[in-house]
Amino acid sequence: MMHSGSVLDRANGFSVLDCSDCGFIHLNPVPTESELDKVYRDEYYTDEKPLFIERVVEDLPWWDAVYNDRYEFFESKLPAGRRSVLDIGCGPGYFLKAGTERGWKGFGVEPSSKAAAHARGLGLEVMNTFFDSGLASALRKRFDAVHLSEVLEHVPDPSMILKAASSLMDEGSLICCVVPNDYSPVQKVLKEKLHYKPYWLAPPHHINYFSFESMKSLLEKTGFKVVGATSMFPIDFFLLMGDDYVGNDELGRASHARRKRLDLMLNEPELKGFKKEMYELMARHGIGREMIIYGEKRNG
């Protein structure tokens, strides 16, 4: 496929293209699936993210709160009898585990052998492979909900992934897509006013860079109606306040700890309604380090 548009940045031998053909920002050239296979099957959790699973476990009370918010959204839209979920790129499995504790039947797909083994160790049903249209055809399963968290930024063809997911869903089933919010208003201020370089670029691991608008548009183009949008805490606010955690893991973890504490306190009954409205308002303004977009499967 040809890609055309303006070049926003260059990093690690790639151009970062605001692609008019795809409707979202991505690397050019786009890495091939074969180039990425070894990275995600064997190297990602060993070389790129060696502490990822350890830190998920450390952060588990916060992650459980994050995941339960997503299940609450699913449950608010689906009838009581529809409780099957596919987690594409399920990582170490804690989203699925949170679901089983709520009465959901979960199934995961995860390319990393290390992460898949961890998820299976939690008693979960997980396939250690990449998700694509071929696997979707072979699965012979139907799901009431699909979860794609921190996946679509990594894949050469996000449209294919969404269409393959849609093929496993009936009308009215829900999808939850979570991706980094890059080239955001906050990042624009950081770059133009505080002279930050685009630290959010991570080629070749992050291929695609979405905004709320481009992510919603991609869902609409692949057979979904957008039914909800919210965001996660804009941790880059700490950069605006002078806490320069870029390249400083210790300060980054300290900022993350403050973010976790705030989210958990906002989850208290007296504040939970405010928290929900606050993050939905942020989403309307394009603010938040990660975006969470919900879609409903449409037929035709």
C-alpha atoms as a PDB file:
ATOM      1  CA  MET A   1       0.000   0.000   0.000  1.00  0.00           C
ATOM      2  CA  MET A   2       1.174   3.502  -0.824  1.00  0.00           C
ATOM      3  CA  HIS A   3       1.393   6.016   2.005  1.00  0.00           C
ATOM      4  CA  SER A   4       1.358   9.781   1.528  1.00  0.00           C
ATOM      5  CA  GLY A   5       1.224  12.768   3.825  1.00  0.00           C
ATOM      6  CA  SER A   6       3.396  15.184   5.745  1.00  0.00           C
ATOM      7  CA  VAL A   7       6.450  14.003   7.697  1.00  0.00           C
ATOM      8  CA  LEU A   8       6.124  15.064  11.347  1.00  0.00           C
ATOM      9  CA  ASP A   9       9.396  13.638  12.707  1.00  0.00           C
ATOM     10  CA  ARG A  10      12.215  11.224  12.000  1.00  0.00           C
ATOM     11  CA  ALA A  11      13.442   8.614  14.473  1.00  0.00           C
ATOM     12  CA  ASN A  12      15.652   5.521  14.389  1.00  0.00           C
ATOM     13  CA  GLY A  13      15.762   5.413  10.596  1.00  0.00           C
ATOM     14  CA  PHE A  14      12.003   5.904  10.149  1.00  0.00           C
ATOM     15  CA  SER A  15       9.898   8.823   9.033  1.00  0.00           C
ATOM     16  CA  VAL A  16       6.785   9.555  11.096  1.00  0.00           C
ATOM     17  CA  LEU A  17       4.062  10.198   8.548  1.00  0.00           C
ATOM     18  CA  ASP A  18       0.691  11.860   9.058  1.00  0.00           C
ATOM     19  CA  CYS A  19      -0.800   9.498   6.500  1.00  0.00           C
ATOM     20  CA  SER A  20      -3.755  10.732   4.461  1.00  0.00           C
ATOM     21  CA  ASP A  21      -4.284   7.218   3.028  1.00  0.00           C
ATOM     22  CA  CYS A  22      -4.606   5.482   6.428  1.00  0.00           C
ATOM     23  CA  GLY A  23      -6.116   8.357   8.392  1.00  0.00           C
ATOM     24  CA  PHE A  24      -3.628   8.145  11.268  1.00  0.00           C
ATOM     25  CA  ILE A  25       0.048   8.798  11.985  1.00  0.00           C
ATOM     26  CA  HIS A  26       2.465   5.903  11.465  1.00  0.00           C
ATOM     27  CA  LEU A  27       6.045   4.984  10.712  1.00  0.00           C
ATOM     28  CA  ASN A  28       7.263   4.915   7.139  1.00  0.00           C
ATOM     29  CA  PRO A  29       8.307   2.401   5.993  1.00  0.00           C
ATOM     30  CA  VAL A  30       5.912   0.219   7.976  1.00  0.00           C
ATOM     31  CA  PRO A  31       7.796  -2.735   9.519  1.00  0.00           C
ATOM     32  CA  THR A  32       6.688  -6.089   8.150  1.00  0.00           C
ATOM     33  CA  GLU A  33       5.043  -8.823  10.208  1.00  0.00           C
ATOM     34  CA  SER A  34       8.088 -11.063   9.730  1.00  0.00           C
ATOM     35  CA  GLU A  35      10.384  -8.312  11.048  1.00  0.00           C
ATOM     36  CA  LEU A  36       8.229  -7.970  14.147  1.00  0.00           C
ATOM     37  CA  ASP A  37       7.684 -11.673  14.782  1.00  0.00           C
ATOM     38  CA  LYS A  38      10.955 -12.330  16.608  1.00  0.00           C
ATOM     39  CA  VAL A  39      10.734  -9.067  18.557  1.00  0.00           C
ATOM     40  CA  TYR A  40       7.357  -9.833  20.098  1.00  0.00           C
ATOM     41  CA  ARG A  41       7.608 -13.608  20.338  1.00  0.00           C
ATOM     42  CA  ASP A  42      10.943 -13.745  22.169  1.00  0.00           C
ATOM     43  CA  GLU A  43      12.549 -10.364  22.849  1.00  0.00           C
ATOM     44  CA  TYR A  44       9.921  -7.812  23.952  1.00  0.00           C
ATOM     45  CA  TYR A  45       9.437  -8.944  27.552  1.00  0.00           C
ATOM     46  CA  THR A  46      13.122  -9.866  27.871  1.00  0.00           C
ATOM     47  CA  ASP A  47      14.934  -6.929  26.250  1.00  0.00           C
ATOM     48  CA  GLU A  48      12.484  -4.049  25.761  1.00  0.00           C
ATOM     49  CA  LYS A  49      10.274  -4.524  28.863  1.00  0.00           C
ATOM     50  CA  PRO A  50      12.239  -6.815  31.227  1.00  0.00           C
ATOM     51  CA  LEU A  51      10.453  -5.511  34.351  1.00  0.00           C
ATOM     52  CA  PHE A  52       6.974  -5.294  32.841  1.00  0.00           C
ATOM     53  CA  ILE A  53       5.387  -8.332  34.511  1.00  0.00           C
ATOM     54  CA  GLU A  54       7.073  -7.583  37.834  1.00  0.00           C
ATOM     55  CA  ARG A  55       5.715  -4.040  37.765  1.00  0.00           C
ATOM     56  CA  VAL A  56       2.212  -5.128  36.757  1.00  0.00           C
ATOM     57  CA  VAL A  57       2.169  -7.361  39.845  1.00  0.00           C
ATOM     58  CA  GLU A  58       3.457  -4.470  41.980  1.00  0.00           C
ATOM     59  CA  ASP A  59       0.732  -2.201  40.559  1.00  0.00           C
ATOM     60  CA  LEU A  60      -2.031  -4.818  40.679  1.00  0.00           C
ATOM     61  CA  PRO A  61      -4.506  -2.997  42.989  1.00  0.00           C
ATOM     62  CA  TRP A  62      -4.438  -0.047  40.573  1.00  0.00           C
ATOM     63  CA  TRP A  63      -4.672  -2.263  37.482  1.00  0.00           C
ATOM     64  CA  ASP A  64      -7.629  -4.131  38.989  1.00  0.00           C
ATOM     65  CA  ALA A  65      -9.416  -0.785  39.438  1.00  0.00           C
ATOM     66  CA  VAL A  66      -8.605   0.160  35.826  1.00  0.00           C
ATOM     67  CA  TYR A  67      -9.838  -3.194  34.516  1.00  0.00           C
ATOM     68  CA  ASN A  68     -12.998  -3.186  36.603  1.00  0.00           C
ATOM     69  CA  ASP A  69     -13.944   0.195  35.117  1.00  0.00           C
ATOM     70  CA  ARG A  70     -13.809  -1.440  31.665  1.00  0.00           C
ATOM     71  CA  TYR A  71     -15.875  -4.435  32.748  1.00  0.00           C
ATOM     72  CA  GLU A  72     -18.405  -2.068  34.326  1.00  0.00           C
ATOM     73  CA  PHE A  73     -18.793  -0.357  30.954  1.00  0.00           C
ATOM     74  CA  PHE A  74     -19.266  -3.701  29.188  1.00  0.00           C
ATOM     75  CA  GLU A  75     -21.816  -4.808  31.790  1.00  0.00           C
ATOM     76  CA  SER A  76     -23.737  -1.530  31.489  1.00  0.00           C
ATOM     77  CA  LYS A  77     -24.336  -2.197  27.784  1.00  0.00           C
ATOM     78  CA  LEU A  78     -24.674  -6.002  27.553  1.00  0.00           C
ATOM     79  CA  PRO A  79     -27.503  -8.243  28.785  1.00  0.00           C
ATOM     80  CA  ALA A  80     -26.682 -10.299  31.889  1.00  0.00           C
ATOM     81  CA  GLY A  81     -26.212 -13.535  29.917  1.00  0.00           C
ATOM     82  CA  ARG A  82     -23.521 -12.143  27.605  1.00  0.00           C
ATOM     83  CA  ARG A  83     -20.232 -12.508  29.480  1.00  0.00           C
ATOM     84  CA  SER A  84     -17.555 -13.893  27.123  1.00  0.00           C
ATOM     85  CA  VAL A  85     -14.460 -11.822  26.393  1.00  0.00           C
ATOM     86  CA  LEU A  86     -11.485 -12.123  24.044  1.00  0.00           C
ATOM     87  CA  ASP A  87      -8.343 -10.309  25.170  1.00  0.00           C
ATOM     88  CA  ILE A  88      -6.058  -9.748  22.170  1.00  0.00           C
ATOM     89  CA  GLY A  89      -2.502  -9.183  23.373  1.00  0.00           C
ATOM     90  CA  CYS A  90      -3.477 -10.303  26.860  1.00  0.00           C
ATOM     91  CA  GLY A  91       0.059  -9.965  28.271  1.00  0.00           C
ATOM     92  CA  PRO A  92       0.456 -11.614  31.688  1.00  0.00           C
ATOM     93  CA  GLY A  93      -3.300 -12.170  31.936  1.00  0.00           C
ATOM     94  CA  TYR A  94      -4.555  -9.895  34.692  1.00  0.00           C
ATOM     95  CA  PHE A  95      -7.361  -8.317  32.656  1.00  0.00           C
ATOM     96  CA  LEU A  96      -8.765 -11.793  32.017  1.00  0.00           C
ATOM     97  CA  LYS A  97      -8.270 -12.745  35.659  1.00  0.00           C
ATOM     98  CA  ALA A  98     -10.239  -9.679  36.757  1.00  0.00           C
ATOM     99  CA  GLY A  99     -13.012 -10.778  34.415  1.00  0.00           C
ATOM    100  CA  THR A 100     -13.183 -14.335  35.705  1.00  0.00           C
ATOM    101  CA  GLU A 101     -13.599 -12.912  39.206  1.00  0.00           C
ATOM    102  CA  ARG A 102     -16.676 -11.035  37.905  1.00  0.00           C
ATOM    103  CA  GLY A 103     -18.152 -14.137  36.263  1.00  0.00           C
ATOM    104  CA  TRP A 104     -16.807 -13.642  32.728  1.00  0.00           C
ATOM    105  CA  LYS A 105     -15.497 -16.458  30.535  1.00  0.00           C
ATOM    106  CA  GLY A 106     -12.203 -15.270  29.093  1.00  0.00           C
ATOM    107  CA  PHE A 107      -9.913 -16.304  26.247  1.00  0.00           C
ATOM    108  CA  GLY A 108      -6.563 -14.695  25.487  1.00  0.00           C
ATOM    109  CA  VAL A 109      -4.161 -14.432  22.561  1.00  0.00           C
ATOM    110  CA  GLU A 110      -0.581 -13.364  23.333  1.00  0.00           C
ATOM    111  CA  PRO A 111       2.530 -13.553  21.077  1.00  0.00           C
ATOM    112  CA  SER A 112       5.088 -13.360  23.906  1.00  0.00           C
ATOM    113  CA  SER A 113       5.958 -16.832  25.172  1.00  0.00           C
ATOM    114  CA  LYS A 114       6.972 -15.390  28.555  1.00  0.00           C
ATOM    115  CA  ALA A 115       3.758 -13.427  29.064  1.00  0.00           C
ATOM    116  CA  ALA A 116       1.547 -16.262  27.767  1.00  0.00           C
ATOM    117  CA  ALA A 117       3.179 -18.707  30.180  1.00  0.00           C
ATOM    118  CA  HIS A 118       2.536 -16.306  33.057  1.00  0.00           C
ATOM    119  CA  ALA A 119      -1.131 -15.971  32.062  1.00  0.00           C
ATOM    120  CA  ARG A 120      -1.544 -19.738  31.834  1.00  0.00           C
ATOM    121  CA  GLY A 121      -0.005 -19.973  35.289  1.00  0.00           C
ATOM    122  CA  LEU A 122      -3.014 -17.967  36.508  1.00  0.00           C
ATOM    123  CA  GLY A 123      -5.286 -20.716  35.200  1.00  0.00           C
ATOM    124  CA  LEU A 124      -6.334 -18.821  32.061  1.00  0.00           C
ATOM    125  CA  GLU A 125      -6.980 -20.144  28.552  1.00  0.00           C
ATOM    126  CA  VAL A 126      -4.395 -18.400  26.370  1.00  0.00           C
ATOM    127  CA  MET A 127      -2.993 -19.100  22.910  1.00  0.00           C
ATOM    128  CA  ASN A 128       0.667 -18.187  22.429  1.00  0.00           C
ATOM    129  CA  THR A 129       0.491 -16.701  18.938  1.00  0.00           C
ATOM    130  CA  PHE A 130      -0.237 -13.554  16.960  1.00  0.00           C
ATOM    131  CA  PHE A 131      -3.829 -12.543  16.317  1.00  0.00           C
ATOM    132  CA  ASP A 132      -4.754 -12.065  12.660  1.00  0.00           C
ATOM    133  CA  SER A 133      -7.536 -12.869  10.214  1.00  0.00           C
ATOM    134  CA  GLY A 134      -6.260 -16.430   9.756  1.00  0.00           C
ATOM    135  CA  LEU A 135      -6.414 -17.150  13.464  1.00  0.00           C
ATOM    136  CA  ALA A 136      -9.845 -15.526  13.701  1.00  0.00           C
ATOM    137  CA  SER A 137     -11.131 -17.876  10.984  1.00  0.00           C
ATOM    138  CA  ALA A 138      -9.671 -20.891  12.765  1.00  0.00           C
ATOM    139  CA  LEU A 139     -10.949 -20.086  16.254  1.00  0.00           C
ATOM    140  CA  ARG A 140     -14.616 -20.975  15.667  1.00  0.00           C
ATOM    141  CA  LYS A 141     -15.589 -18.929  18.715  1.00  0.00           C
ATOM    142  CA  ARG A 142     -17.921 -15.984  19.337  1.00  0.00           C
ATOM    143  CA  PHE A 143     -17.353 -13.256  21.898  1.00  0.00           C
ATOM    144  CA  ASP A 144     -19.581 -10.683  23.555  1.00  0.00           C
ATOM    145  CA  ALA A 145     -16.656  -8.333  24.160  1.00  0.00           C
ATOM    146  CA  VAL A 146     -13.145  -7.856  22.770  1.00  0.00           C
ATOM    147  CA  HIS A 147     -10.355  -6.061  24.611  1.00  0.00           C
ATOM    148  CA  LEU A 148      -7.326  -4.611  22.791  1.00  0.00           C
ATOM    149  CA  SER A 149      -5.100  -2.783  25.264  1.00  0.00           C
ATOM    150  CA  GLU A 150      -1.799  -1.329  24.019  1.00  0.00           C
ATOM    151  CA  VAL A 151      -1.946  -3.465  20.860  1.00  0.00           C
ATOM    152  CA  LEU A 152      -2.942  -1.396  17.835  1.00  0.00           C
ATOM    153  CA  GLU A 153       0.093   0.900  18.088  1.00  0.00           C
ATOM    154  CA  HIS A 154       2.322  -2.173  17.581  1.00  0.00           C
ATOM    155  CA  VAL A 155       0.802  -3.805  14.480  1.00  0.00           C
ATOM    156  CA  PRO A 156       1.489  -3.149  10.779  1.00  0.00           C
ATOM    157  CA  ASP A 157      -2.212  -3.245   9.851  1.00  0.00           C
ATOM    158  CA  PRO A 158      -4.587  -2.171  12.648  1.00  0.00           C
ATOM    159  CA  SER A 159      -7.570  -2.235  10.260  1.00  0.00           C
ATOM    160  CA  MET A 160      -7.005  -5.942   9.640  1.00  0.00           C
ATOM    161  CA  ILE A 161      -6.877  -6.640  13.381  1.00  0.00           C
ATOM    162  CA  LEU A 162     -10.147  -4.799  13.996  1.00  0.00           C
ATOM    163  CA  LYS A 163     -11.909  -6.500  11.070  1.00  0.00           C
ATOM    164  CA  ALA A 164     -10.669  -9.897  12.275  1.00  0.00           C
ATOM    165  CA  ALA A 165     -11.937  -9.135  15.776  1.00  0.00           C
ATOM    166  CA  SER A 166     -15.275  -8.037  14.322  1.00  0.00           C
ATOM    167  CA  SER A 167     -15.623 -11.395  12.551  1.00  0.00           C
ATOM    168  CA  LEU A 168     -15.771 -13.080  15.981  1.00  0.00           C
ATOM    169  CA  MET A 169     -18.510 -10.786  17.284  1.00  0.00           C
ATOM    170  CA  ASP A 170     -22.285 -10.675  16.885  1.00  0.00           C
ATOM    171  CA  GLU A 171     -24.262  -7.479  16.414  1.00  0.00           C
ATOM    172  CA  GLY A 172     -24.290  -5.511  19.650  1.00  0.00           C
ATOM    173  CA  SER A 173     -21.042  -7.004  20.949  1.00  0.00           C
ATOM    174  CA  LEU A 174     -18.549  -4.481  22.328  1.00  0.00           C
ATOM    175  CA  ILE A 175     -14.914  -3.699  21.685  1.00  0.00           C
ATOM    176  CA  CYS A 176     -12.551  -1.726  23.930  1.00  0.00           C
ATOM    177  CA  CYS A 177      -9.449  -0.235  22.286  1.00  0.00           C
ATOM    178  CA  VAL A 178      -6.745   1.308  24.465  1.00  0.00           C
ATOM    179  CA  VAL A 179      -3.840   3.088  22.755  1.00  0.00           C
ATOM    180  CA  PRO A 180      -1.372   5.825  23.684  1.00  0.00           C
ATOM    181  CA  ASN A 181      -2.607   9.351  23.003  1.00  0.00           C
ATOM    182  CA  ASP A 182       0.285  10.701  20.951  1.00  0.00           C
ATOM    183  CA  TYR A 183       0.842  14.066  19.293  1.00  0.00           C
ATOM    184  CA  SER A 184      -1.678  15.234  21.884  1.00  0.00           C
ATOM    185  CA  PRO A 185      -2.326  18.851  22.955  1.00  0.00           C
ATOM    186  CA  VAL A 186      -0.165  18.281  26.046  1.00  0.00           C
ATOM    187  CA  GLN A 187       2.696  16.905  23.966  1.00  0.00           C
ATOM    188  CA  LYS A 188       2.343  19.830  21.556  1.00  0.00           C
ATOM    189  CA  VAL A 189       2.822  22.276  24.457  1.00  0.00           C
ATOM    190  CA  LEU A 190       5.755  20.247  25.789  1.00  0.00           C
ATOM    191  CA  LYS A 191       7.412  20.273  22.367  1.00  0.00           C
ATOM    192  CA  GLU A 192       6.716  23.882  21.381  1.00  0.00           C
ATOM    193  CA  LYS A 193       6.917  25.707  24.721  1.00  0.00           C
ATOM    194  CA  LEU A 194       9.262  23.543  26.822  1.00  0.00           C
ATOM    195  CA  HIS A 195      11.360  22.226  23.892  1.00  0.00           C
ATOM    196  CA  TYR A 196      10.918  18.524  24.604  1.00  0.00           C
ATOM    197  CA  LYS A 197      11.933  16.213  21.805  1.00  0.00           C
ATOM    198  CA  PRO A 198       9.183  13.710  20.853  1.00  0.00           C
ATOM    199  CA  TYR A 199       9.979  11.228  23.646  1.00  0.00           C
ATOM    200  CA  TRP A 200       6.766   9.321  22.854  1.00  0.00           C
ATOM    201  CA  LEU A 201       8.222   7.949  19.620  1.00  0.00           C
ATOM    202  CA  ALA A 202       9.322   4.326  19.994  1.00  0.00           C
ATOM    203  CA  PRO A 203      10.165   2.838  16.570  1.00  0.00           C
ATOM    204  CA  PRO A 204       9.950   0.067  15.551  1.00  0.00           C
ATOM    205  CA  HIS A 205       7.878  -1.099  18.545  1.00  0.00           C
ATOM    206  CA  HIS A 206       5.311   1.669  18.235  1.00  0.00           C
ATOM    207  CA  ILE A 207       4.346   1.803  14.581  1.00  0.00           C
ATOM    208  CA  ASN A 208       1.089   3.785  14.807  1.00  0.00           C
ATOM    209  CA  TYR A 209       0.293   7.021  16.687  1.00  0.00           C
ATOM    210  CA  PHE A 210      -3.379   7.764  17.279  1.00  0.00           C
ATOM    211  CA  SER A 211      -5.494  10.706  18.360  1.00  0.00           C
ATOM    212  CA  PHE A 212      -9.003  10.350  19.757  1.00  0.00           C
ATOM    213  CA  GLU A 213     -10.366  11.425  16.382  1.00  0.00           C
ATOM    214  CA  SER A 214      -8.276   9.036  14.287  1.00  0.00           C
ATOM    215  CA  MET A 215      -8.980   6.087  16.615  1.00  0.00           C
ATOM    216  CA  LYS A 216     -12.723   6.730  16.501  1.00  0.00           C
ATOM    217  CA  SER A 217     -12.569   7.056  12.707  1.00  0.00           C
ATOM    218  CA  LEU A 218     -10.690   3.752  12.395  1.00  0.00           C
ATOM    219  CA  LEU A 219     -13.344   1.972  14.465  1.00  0.00           C
ATOM    220  CA  GLU A 220     -16.120   3.448  12.341  1.00  0.00           C
ATOM    221  CA  LYS A 221     -14.364   2.351   9.136  1.00  0.00           C
ATOM    222  CA  THR A 222     -14.012  -1.243  10.385  1.00  0.00           C
ATOM    223  CA  GLY A 223     -17.620  -1.915  11.311  1.00  0.00           C
ATOM    224  CA  PHE A 224     -18.132  -0.393  14.746  1.00  0.00           C
ATOM    225  CA  LYS A 225     -20.227   2.423  16.166  1.00  0.00           C
ATOM    226  CA  VAL A 226     -18.363   4.434  18.818  1.00  0.00           C
ATOM    227  CA  VAL A 227     -20.376   4.262  22.052  1.00  0.00           C
ATOM    228  CA  GLY A 228     -17.936   5.636  24.621  1.00  0.00           C
ATOM    229  CA  ALA A 229     -14.620   7.434  25.063  1.00  0.00           C
ATOM    230  CA  THR A 230     -12.579   8.146  28.147  1.00  0.00           C
ATOM    231  CA  SER A 231      -8.942   8.561  29.063  1.00  0.00           C
ATOM    232  CA  MET A 232      -6.318   7.551  31.575  1.00  0.00           C
ATOM    233  CA  PHE A 233      -4.472   9.985  33.820  1.00  0.00           C
ATOM    234  CA  PRO A 234      -2.328  12.436  31.804  1.00  0.00           C
ATOM    235  CA  ILE A 235       0.970  11.564  33.456  1.00  0.00           C
ATOM    236  CA  ASP A 236       2.638  14.092  31.171  1.00  0.00           C
ATOM    237  CA  PHE A 237       1.034  16.746  33.403  1.00  0.00           C
ATOM    238  CA  PHE A 238       4.001  16.064  35.701  1.00  0.00           C
ATOM    239  CA  LEU A 239       6.286  17.263  32.897  1.00  0.00           C
ATOM    240  CA  LEU A 240       4.242  20.456  32.649  1.00  0.00           C
ATOM    241  CA  MET A 241       4.776  20.897  36.417  1.00  0.00           C
ATOM    242  CA  GLY A 242       8.558  20.488  36.096  1.00  0.00           C
ATOM    243  CA  ASP A 243       9.052  16.839  37.080  1.00  0.00           C
ATOM    244  CA  ASP A 244      11.216  15.760  34.137  1.00  0.00           C
ATOM    245  CA  TYR A 245      10.874  11.993  34.281  1.00  0.00           C
ATOM    246  CA  VAL A 246      11.858  11.426  30.636  1.00  0.00           C
ATOM    247  CA  GLY A 247      14.845   9.078  30.761  1.00  0.00           C
ATOM    248  CA  ASN A 248      14.694   9.024  34.577  1.00  0.00           C
ATOM    249  CA  ASP A 249      13.142   5.717  35.644  1.00  0.00           C
ATOM    250  CA  GLU A 250      13.225   6.511  39.368  1.00  0.00           C
ATOM    251  CA  LEU A 251      11.341   9.782  38.930  1.00  0.00           C
ATOM    252  CA  GLY A 252       9.034   8.139  36.408  1.00  0.00           C
ATOM    253  CA  ARG A 253       8.065   5.456  38.933  1.00  0.00           C
ATOM    254  CA  ALA A 254       7.543   8.125  41.582  1.00  0.00           C
ATOM    255  CA  SER A 255       5.218  10.041  39.243  1.00  0.00           C
ATOM    256  CA  HIS A 256       3.380   6.832  38.428  1.00  0.00           C
ATOM    257  CA  ALA A 257       2.976   6.087  42.146  1.00  0.00           C
ATOM    258  CA  ARG A 258       1.331   9.480  42.643  1.00  0.00           C
ATOM    259  CA  ARG A 259      -0.946   8.841  39.691  1.00  0.00           C
ATOM    260  CA  LYS A 260      -1.946   5.431  41.108  1.00  0.00           C
ATOM    261  CA  ARG A 261      -2.697   6.916  44.518  1.00  0.00           C
ATOM    262  CA  LEU A 262      -4.880   9.629  43.000  1.00  0.00           C
ATOM    263  CA  ASP A 263      -6.835   7.152  40.850  1.00  0.00           C
ATOM    264  CA  LEU A 264      -7.423   4.819  43.791  1.00  0.00           C
ATOM    265  CA  MET A 265      -8.609   7.682  45.995  1.00  0.00           C
ATOM    266  CA  LEU A 266     -10.896   8.933  43.218  1.00  0.00           C
ATOM    267  CA  ASN A 267     -12.353   5.413  43.084  1.00  0.00           C
ATOM    268  CA  GLU A 268     -13.874   5.868  46.526  1.00  0.00           C
ATOM    269  CA  PRO A 269     -17.703   6.021  46.377  1.00  0.00           C
ATOM    270  CA  GLU A 270     -17.794   9.734  47.218  1.00  0.00           C
ATOM    271  CA  LEU A 271     -15.558  10.590  44.238  1.00  0.00           C
ATOM    272  CA  LYS A 272     -16.118   7.826  41.665  1.00  0.00           C
ATOM    273  CA  GLY A 273     -18.805   9.719  39.719  1.00  0.00           C
ATOM    274  CA  PHE A 274     -16.542  12.760  39.508  1.00  0.00           C
ATOM    275  CA  LYS A 275     -13.634  10.601  38.336  1.00  0.00           C
ATOM    276  CA  LYS A 276     -15.749   9.154  35.518  1.00  0.00           C
ATOM    277  CA  GLU A 277     -16.908  12.577  34.349  1.00  0.00           C
ATOM    278  CA  MET A 278     -13.401  14.052  34.685  1.00  0.00           C
ATOM    279  CA  TYR A 279     -11.783  11.458  32.419  1.00  0.00           C
ATOM    280  CA  GLU A 280     -14.626  11.663  29.894  1.00  0.00           C
ATOM    281  CA  LEU A 281     -14.175  15.459  29.821  1.00  0.00           C
ATOM    282  CA  MET A 282     -10.439  15.026  29.285  1.00  0.00           C
ATOM    283  CA  ALA A 283     -11.188  12.696  26.371  1.00  0.00           C
ATOM    284  CA  ARG A 284     -13.402  15.332  24.754  1.00  0.00           C
ATOM    285  CA  HIS A 285     -10.437  17.718  24.844  1.00  0.00           C
ATOM    286  CA  GLY A 286      -7.905  15.145  23.593  1.00  0.00           C
ATOM    287  CA  ILE A 287      -6.203  14.942  27.003  1.00  0.00           C
ATOM    288  CA  GLY A 288      -4.914  11.765  28.696  1.00  0.00           C
ATOM    289  CA  ARG A 289      -1.797   9.661  28.289  1.00  0.00           C
ATOM    290  CA  GLU A 290      -3.872   6.731  27.006  1.00  0.00           C
ATOM    291  CA  MET A 291      -7.265   6.792  25.341  1.00  0.00           C
ATOM    292  CA  ILE A 292      -9.997   4.221  25.845  1.00  0.00           C
ATOM    293  CA  ILE A 293     -12.511   4.003  22.998  1.00  0.00           C
ATOM    294  CA  TYR A 294     -15.508   1.662  23.068  1.00  0.00           C
ATOM    295  CA  GLY A 295     -17.256   0.437  19.948  1.00  0.00           C
ATOM    296  CA  GLU A 296     -20.368  -1.597  19.261  1.00  0.00           C
ATOM    297  CA  LYS A 297     -20.425  -4.155  16.448  1.00  0.00           C
ATOM    298  CA  ARG A 298     -22.710  -3.175  13.583  1.00  0.00           C
ATOM    299  CA  ASN A 299     -23.987  -5.531  10.906  1.00  0.00           C
ATOM    300  CA  GLY A 300     -23.904  -4.397   7.312  1.00  0.00           C
END
